[in-house]
Amino acid sequence: MYTNTPDGHFVICAHPLHSLVTLFIACSLHGFKFAPSICEILADLSTGCAVAPEFYLFSPALLSLS
């Protein structure tokens, strides 16, 4: 079975209840191909650094818009 989000993007975000947890949902493990870029985003989120504007493409809030 191949799973995917409705918009086809990954989900990357801070946990809504636990500020020290960052979530990454790759869907069917196809995220490994994007490891360098995703790890950079995760590192920035985890350390409180600013993330690139394109990061918001991975917001779970966008899932309800598709």
PDB file of N, CA and C in Angstrom:
ATOM      1  N   MET A   1       0.841  -1.167   0.000  1.00  0.00           N
ATOM      2  CA  MET A   1       0.000   0.000   0.000  1.00  0.00           C
ATOM      3  C   MET A   1       0.892   1.237   0.000  1.00  0.00           C
ATOM      4  N   TYR A   2       0.546   2.182  -0.814  1.00  0.00           N
ATOM      5  CA  TYR A   2       1.284   3.438  -0.915  1.00  0.00           C
ATOM      6  C   TYR A   2       0.409   4.544  -0.328  1.00  0.00           C
ATOM      7  N   THR A   3       0.898   5.175   0.725  1.00  0.00           N
ATOM      8  CA  THR A   3       0.130   6.255   1.342  1.00  0.00           C
ATOM      9  C   THR A   3       0.721   7.605   0.971  1.00  0.00           C
ATOM     10  N   ASN A   4      -0.121   8.616   0.976  1.00  0.00           N
ATOM     11  CA  ASN A   4       0.316   9.957   0.633  1.00  0.00           C
ATOM     12  C   ASN A   4      -0.664  10.953   1.253  1.00  0.00           C
ATOM     13  N   THR A   5      -0.209  12.169   1.452  1.00  0.00           N
ATOM     14  CA  THR A   5      -1.110  13.214   1.919  1.00  0.00           C
ATOM     15  C   THR A   5      -1.979  13.674   0.751  1.00  0.00           C
ATOM     16  N   PRO A   6      -3.095  14.320   1.018  1.00  0.00           N
ATOM     17  CA  PRO A   6      -3.974  14.765  -0.076  1.00  0.00           C
ATOM     18  C   PRO A   6      -3.285  15.675  -1.091  1.00  0.00           C
ATOM     19  N   ASP A   7      -2.350  16.509  -0.630  1.00  0.00           N
ATOM     20  CA  ASP A   7      -1.675  17.418  -1.561  1.00  0.00           C
ATOM     21  C   ASP A   7      -0.362  16.849  -2.099  1.00  0.00           C
ATOM     22  N   GLY A   8       0.020  15.664  -1.654  1.00  0.00           N
ATOM     23  CA  GLY A   8       1.223  15.016  -2.156  1.00  0.00           C
ATOM     24  C   GLY A   8       2.519  15.482  -1.520  1.00  0.00           C
ATOM     25  N   HIS A   9       2.454  16.398  -0.564  1.00  0.00           N
ATOM     26  CA  HIS A   9       3.654  16.911   0.101  1.00  0.00           C
ATOM     27  C   HIS A   9       3.870  16.227   1.441  1.00  0.00           C
ATOM     28  N   PHE A  10       5.076  16.351   1.955  1.00  0.00           N
ATOM     29  CA  PHE A  10       5.380  15.866   3.293  1.00  0.00           C
ATOM     30  C   PHE A  10       4.698  16.777   4.306  1.00  0.00           C
ATOM     31  N   VAL A  11       4.667  16.328   5.551  1.00  0.00           N
ATOM     32  CA  VAL A  11       4.212  17.177   6.651  1.00  0.00           C
ATOM     33  C   VAL A  11       5.409  17.373   7.565  1.00  0.00           C
ATOM     34  N   ILE A  12       5.780  18.620   7.786  1.00  0.00           N
ATOM     35  CA  ILE A  12       6.884  18.968   8.679  1.00  0.00           C
ATOM     36  C   ILE A  12       6.391  20.117   9.554  1.00  0.00           C
ATOM     37  N   CYS A  13       6.409  19.915  10.877  1.00  0.00           N
ATOM     38  CA  CYS A  13       5.916  20.976  11.753  1.00  0.00           C
ATOM     39  C   CYS A  13       6.354  20.730  13.195  1.00  0.00           C
ATOM     40  N   ALA A  14       6.208  21.750  13.993  1.00  0.00           N
ATOM     41  CA  ALA A  14       6.407  21.611  15.426  1.00  0.00           C
ATOM     42  C   ALA A  14       5.183  20.907  15.999  1.00  0.00           C
ATOM     43  N   HIS A  15       5.379  20.091  17.002  1.00  0.00           N
ATOM     44  CA  HIS A  15       4.256  19.409  17.647  1.00  0.00           C
ATOM     45  C   HIS A  15       3.389  20.466  18.324  1.00  0.00           C
ATOM     46  N   PRO A  16       2.071  20.393  18.167  1.00  0.00           N
ATOM     47  CA  PRO A  16       1.210  21.437  18.724  1.00  0.00           C
ATOM     48  C   PRO A  16       1.170  21.484  20.255  1.00  0.00           C
ATOM     49  N   LEU A  17       1.492  20.374  20.917  1.00  0.00           N
ATOM     50  CA  LEU A  17       1.432  20.335  22.383  1.00  0.00           C
ATOM     51  C   LEU A  17       2.791  20.258  23.063  1.00  0.00           C
ATOM     52  N   HIS A  18       3.804  19.832  22.341  1.00  0.00           N
ATOM     53  CA  HIS A  18       5.133  19.637  22.928  1.00  0.00           C
ATOM     54  C   HIS A  18       6.165  20.421  22.126  1.00  0.00           C
ATOM     55  N   SER A  19       6.598  21.528  22.651  1.00  0.00           N
ATOM     56  CA  SER A  19       7.472  22.439  21.905  1.00  0.00           C
ATOM     57  C   SER A  19       8.843  21.849  21.567  1.00  0.00           C
ATOM     58  N   LEU A  20       9.256  20.813  22.263  1.00  0.00           N
ATOM     59  CA  LEU A  20      10.566  20.211  22.002  1.00  0.00           C
ATOM     60  C   LEU A  20      10.507  19.093  20.959  1.00  0.00           C
ATOM     61  N   VAL A  21       9.332  18.872  20.387  1.00  0.00           N
ATOM     62  CA  VAL A  21       9.158  17.798  19.411  1.00  0.00           C
ATOM     63  C   VAL A  21       8.866  18.391  18.033  1.00  0.00           C
ATOM     64  N   THR A  22       9.601  17.935  17.037  1.00  0.00           N
ATOM     65  CA  THR A  22       9.362  18.327  15.651  1.00  0.00           C
ATOM     66  C   THR A  22       8.884  17.087  14.901  1.00  0.00           C
ATOM     67  N   LEU A  23       7.806  17.236  14.150  1.00  0.00           N
ATOM     68  CA  LEU A  23       7.218  16.111  13.432  1.00  0.00           C
ATOM     69  C   LEU A  23       7.611  16.134  11.962  1.00  0.00           C
ATOM     70  N   PHE A  24       7.899  14.955  11.432  1.00  0.00           N
ATOM     71  CA  PHE A  24       8.142  14.800  10.002  1.00  0.00           C
ATOM     72  C   PHE A  24       7.422  13.546   9.546  1.00  0.00           C
ATOM     73  N   ILE A  25       6.506  13.700   8.611  1.00  0.00           N
ATOM     74  CA  ILE A  25       5.747  12.578   8.085  1.00  0.00           C
ATOM     75  C   ILE A  25       6.063  12.481   6.592  1.00  0.00           C
ATOM     76  N   ALA A  26       6.721  11.398   6.206  1.00  0.00           N
ATOM     77  CA  ALA A  26       7.194  11.264   4.825  1.00  0.00           C
ATOM     78  C   ALA A  26       6.214  10.540   3.919  1.00  0.00           C
ATOM     79  N   CYS A  27       5.308   9.779   4.460  1.00  0.00           N
ATOM     80  CA  CYS A  27       4.345   9.014   3.670  1.00  0.00           C
ATOM     81  C   CYS A  27       5.040   7.970   2.796  1.00  0.00           C
ATOM     82  N   SER A  28       4.884   6.749   3.157  1.00  0.00           N
ATOM     83  CA  SER A  28       5.414   5.597   2.413  1.00  0.00           C
ATOM     84  C   SER A  28       6.926   5.646   2.205  1.00  0.00           C
ATOM     85  N   LEU A  29       7.616   6.316   3.058  1.00  0.00           N
ATOM     86  CA  LEU A  29       9.082   6.323   3.081  1.00  0.00           C
ATOM     87  C   LEU A  29       9.740   6.898   1.832  1.00  0.00           C
ATOM     88  N   HIS A  30       9.012   7.607   0.987  1.00  0.00           N
ATOM     89  CA  HIS A  30       9.668   8.178  -0.188  1.00  0.00           C
ATOM     90  C   HIS A  30      10.459   9.442   0.165  1.00  0.00           C
ATOM     91  N   GLY A  31      10.431   9.854   1.423  1.00  0.00           N
ATOM     92  CA  GLY A  31      11.157  11.044   1.843  1.00  0.00           C
ATOM     93  C   GLY A  31      12.667  10.885   1.892  1.00  0.00           C
ATOM     94  N   PHE A  32      13.161   9.639   1.859  1.00  0.00           N
ATOM     95  CA  PHE A  32      14.603   9.444   1.956  1.00  0.00           C
ATOM     96  C   PHE A  32      15.349  10.143   0.826  1.00  0.00           C
ATOM     97  N   LYS A  33      14.722  10.315  -0.326  1.00  0.00           N
ATOM     98  CA  LYS A  33      15.371  10.972  -1.469  1.00  0.00           C
ATOM     99  C   LYS A  33      15.624  12.450  -1.199  1.00  0.00           C
ATOM    100  N   PHE A  34      14.871  12.992  -0.270  1.00  0.00           N
ATOM    101  CA  PHE A  34      14.958  14.417   0.038  1.00  0.00           C
ATOM    102  C   PHE A  34      15.666  14.671   1.367  1.00  0.00           C
ATOM    103  N   ALA A  35      16.372  13.686   1.877  1.00  0.00           N
ATOM    104  CA  ALA A  35      16.981  13.751   3.198  1.00  0.00           C
ATOM    105  C   ALA A  35      17.825  15.004   3.439  1.00  0.00           C
ATOM    106  N   PRO A  36      18.715  15.413   2.542  1.00  0.00           N
ATOM    107  CA  PRO A  36      19.520  16.604   2.838  1.00  0.00           C
ATOM    108  C   PRO A  36      18.671  17.861   3.072  1.00  0.00           C
ATOM    109  N   SER A  37      17.698  18.083   2.241  1.00  0.00           N
ATOM    110  CA  SER A  37      16.856  19.273   2.386  1.00  0.00           C
ATOM    111  C   SER A  37      15.970  19.179   3.613  1.00  0.00           C
ATOM    112  N   ILE A  38      15.390  18.017   3.822  1.00  0.00           N
ATOM    113  CA  ILE A  38      14.497  17.844   4.961  1.00  0.00           C
ATOM    114  C   ILE A  38      15.269  17.943   6.269  1.00  0.00           C
ATOM    115  N   CYS A  39      16.454  17.367   6.320  1.00  0.00           N
ATOM    116  CA  CYS A  39      17.269  17.447   7.540  1.00  0.00           C
ATOM    117  C   CYS A  39      17.650  18.883   7.856  1.00  0.00           C
ATOM    118  N   GLU A  40      17.892  19.679   6.834  1.00  0.00           N
ATOM    119  CA  GLU A  40      18.198  21.094   7.055  1.00  0.00           C
ATOM    120  C   GLU A  40      16.987  21.806   7.672  1.00  0.00           C
ATOM    121  N   ILE A  41      15.803  21.537   7.153  1.00  0.00           N
ATOM    122  CA  ILE A  41      14.587  22.140   7.707  1.00  0.00           C
ATOM    123  C   ILE A  41      14.370  21.669   9.144  1.00  0.00           C
ATOM    124  N   LEU A  42      14.531  20.374   9.396  1.00  0.00           N
ATOM    125  CA  LEU A  42      14.343  19.844  10.743  1.00  0.00           C
ATOM    126  C   LEU A  42      15.346  20.434  11.728  1.00  0.00           C
ATOM    127  N   ALA A  43      16.586  20.583  11.294  1.00  0.00           N
ATOM    128  CA  ALA A  43      17.595  21.180  12.154  1.00  0.00           C
ATOM    129  C   ALA A  43      17.248  22.633  12.478  1.00  0.00           C
ATOM    130  N   ASP A  44      16.806  23.383  11.478  1.00  0.00           N
ATOM    131  CA  ASP A  44      16.422  24.779  11.710  1.00  0.00           C
ATOM    132  C   ASP A  44      15.236  24.865  12.662  1.00  0.00           C
ATOM    133  N   LEU A  45      14.241  24.031  12.463  1.00  0.00           N
ATOM    134  CA  LEU A  45      13.084  24.031  13.353  1.00  0.00           C
ATOM    135  C   LEU A  45      13.470  23.650  14.778  1.00  0.00           C
ATOM    136  N   SER A  46      14.312  22.639  14.910  1.00  0.00           N
ATOM    137  CA  SER A  46      14.691  22.131  16.223  1.00  0.00           C
ATOM    138  C   SER A  46      15.560  23.100  17.005  1.00  0.00           C
ATOM    139  N   THR A  47      16.310  23.937  16.322  1.00  0.00           N
ATOM    140  CA  THR A  47      17.207  24.865  17.002  1.00  0.00           C
ATOM    141  C   THR A  47      16.653  26.282  17.075  1.00  0.00           C
ATOM    142  N   GLY A  48      15.459  26.491  16.522  1.00  0.00           N
ATOM    143  CA  GLY A  48      14.836  27.815  16.585  1.00  0.00           C
ATOM    144  C   GLY A  48      15.319  28.778  15.519  1.00  0.00           C
ATOM    145  N   CYS A  49      16.057  28.288  14.538  1.00  0.00           N
ATOM    146  CA  CYS A  49      16.519  29.148  13.445  1.00  0.00           C
ATOM    147  C   CYS A  49      15.369  29.441  12.487  1.00  0.00           C
ATOM    148  N   ALA A  50      15.507  30.515  11.750  1.00  0.00           N
ATOM    149  CA  ALA A  50      14.500  30.853  10.743  1.00  0.00           C
ATOM    150  C   ALA A  50      14.553  29.825   9.629  1.00  0.00           C
ATOM    151  N   VAL A  51      13.394  29.473   9.124  1.00  0.00           N
ATOM    152  CA  VAL A  51      13.330  28.527   7.999  1.00  0.00           C
ATOM    153  C   VAL A  51      12.968  29.291   6.736  1.00  0.00           C
ATOM    154  N   ALA A  52      13.324  28.728   5.603  1.00  0.00           N
ATOM    155  CA  ALA A  52      13.034  29.353   4.317  1.00  0.00           C
ATOM    156  C   ALA A  52      11.528  29.483   4.122  1.00  0.00           C
ATOM    157  N   PRO A  53      11.090  30.507   3.420  1.00  0.00           N
ATOM    158  CA  PRO A  53       9.649  30.687   3.193  1.00  0.00           C
ATOM    159  C   PRO A  53       8.982  29.477   2.540  1.00  0.00           C
ATOM    160  N   GLU A  54       9.720  28.751   1.729  1.00  0.00           N
ATOM    161  CA  GLU A  54       9.157  27.576   1.063  1.00  0.00           C
ATOM    162  C   GLU A  54       8.763  26.478   2.048  1.00  0.00           C
ATOM    163  N   PHE A  55       9.303  26.534   3.264  1.00  0.00           N
ATOM    164  CA  PHE A  55       9.000  25.527   4.276  1.00  0.00           C
ATOM    165  C   PHE A  55       7.500  25.411   4.525  1.00  0.00           C
ATOM    166  N   TYR A  56       6.784  26.493   4.411  1.00  0.00           N
ATOM    167  CA  TYR A  56       5.361  26.475   4.747  1.00  0.00           C
ATOM    168  C   TYR A  56       4.540  25.625   3.775  1.00  0.00           C
ATOM    169  N   LEU A  57       5.145  25.184   2.697  1.00  0.00           N
ATOM    170  CA  LEU A  57       4.524  24.234   1.790  1.00  0.00           C
ATOM    171  C   LEU A  57       4.212  22.925   2.513  1.00  0.00           C
ATOM    172  N   PHE A  58       4.952  22.633   3.585  1.00  0.00           N
ATOM    173  CA  PHE A  58       4.812  21.380   4.319  1.00  0.00           C
ATOM    174  C   PHE A  58       3.936  21.502   5.561  1.00  0.00           C
ATOM    175  N   SER A  59       3.236  22.603   5.708  1.00  0.00           N
ATOM    176  CA  SER A  59       2.394  22.827   6.880  1.00  0.00           C
ATOM    177  C   SER A  59       1.180  21.904   6.865  1.00  0.00           C
ATOM    178  N   PRO A  60       0.853  21.300   8.010  1.00  0.00           N
ATOM    179  CA  PRO A  60      -0.345  20.461   8.044  1.00  0.00           C
ATOM    180  C   PRO A  60      -1.625  21.282   7.845  1.00  0.00           C
ATOM    181  N   ALA A  61      -1.572  22.570   8.039  1.00  0.00           N
ATOM    182  CA  ALA A  61      -2.749  23.419   7.826  1.00  0.00           C
ATOM    183  C   ALA A  61      -3.173  23.416   6.362  1.00  0.00           C
ATOM    184  N   LEU A  62      -2.247  23.184   5.451  1.00  0.00           N
ATOM    185  CA  LEU A  62      -2.573  23.165   4.025  1.00  0.00           C
ATOM    186  C   LEU A  62      -3.308  21.903   3.599  1.00  0.00           C
ATOM    187  N   LEU A  63      -3.267  20.870   4.422  1.00  0.00           N
ATOM    188  CA  LEU A  63      -3.918  19.608   4.055  1.00  0.00           C
ATOM    189  C   LEU A  63      -5.425  19.778   3.864  1.00  0.00           C
ATOM    190  N   SER A  64      -6.020  20.656   4.624  1.00  0.00           N
ATOM    191  CA  SER A  64      -7.468  20.836   4.514  1.00  0.00           C
ATOM    192  C   SER A  64      -7.852  21.703   3.313  1.00  0.00           C
ATOM    193  N   LEU A  65      -6.861  22.343   2.685  1.00  0.00           N
ATOM    194  CA  LEU A  65      -7.145  23.222   1.555  1.00  0.00           C
ATOM    195  C   LEU A  65      -7.159  22.488   0.220  1.00  0.00           C
ATOM    196  N   SER A  66      -6.640  21.270   0.192  1.00  0.00           N
ATOM    197  CA  SER A  66      -6.549  20.580  -1.099  1.00  0.00           C
ATOM    198  C   SER A  66      -7.771  19.728  -1.375  1.00  0.00           C
TER     199      SER A  66
END
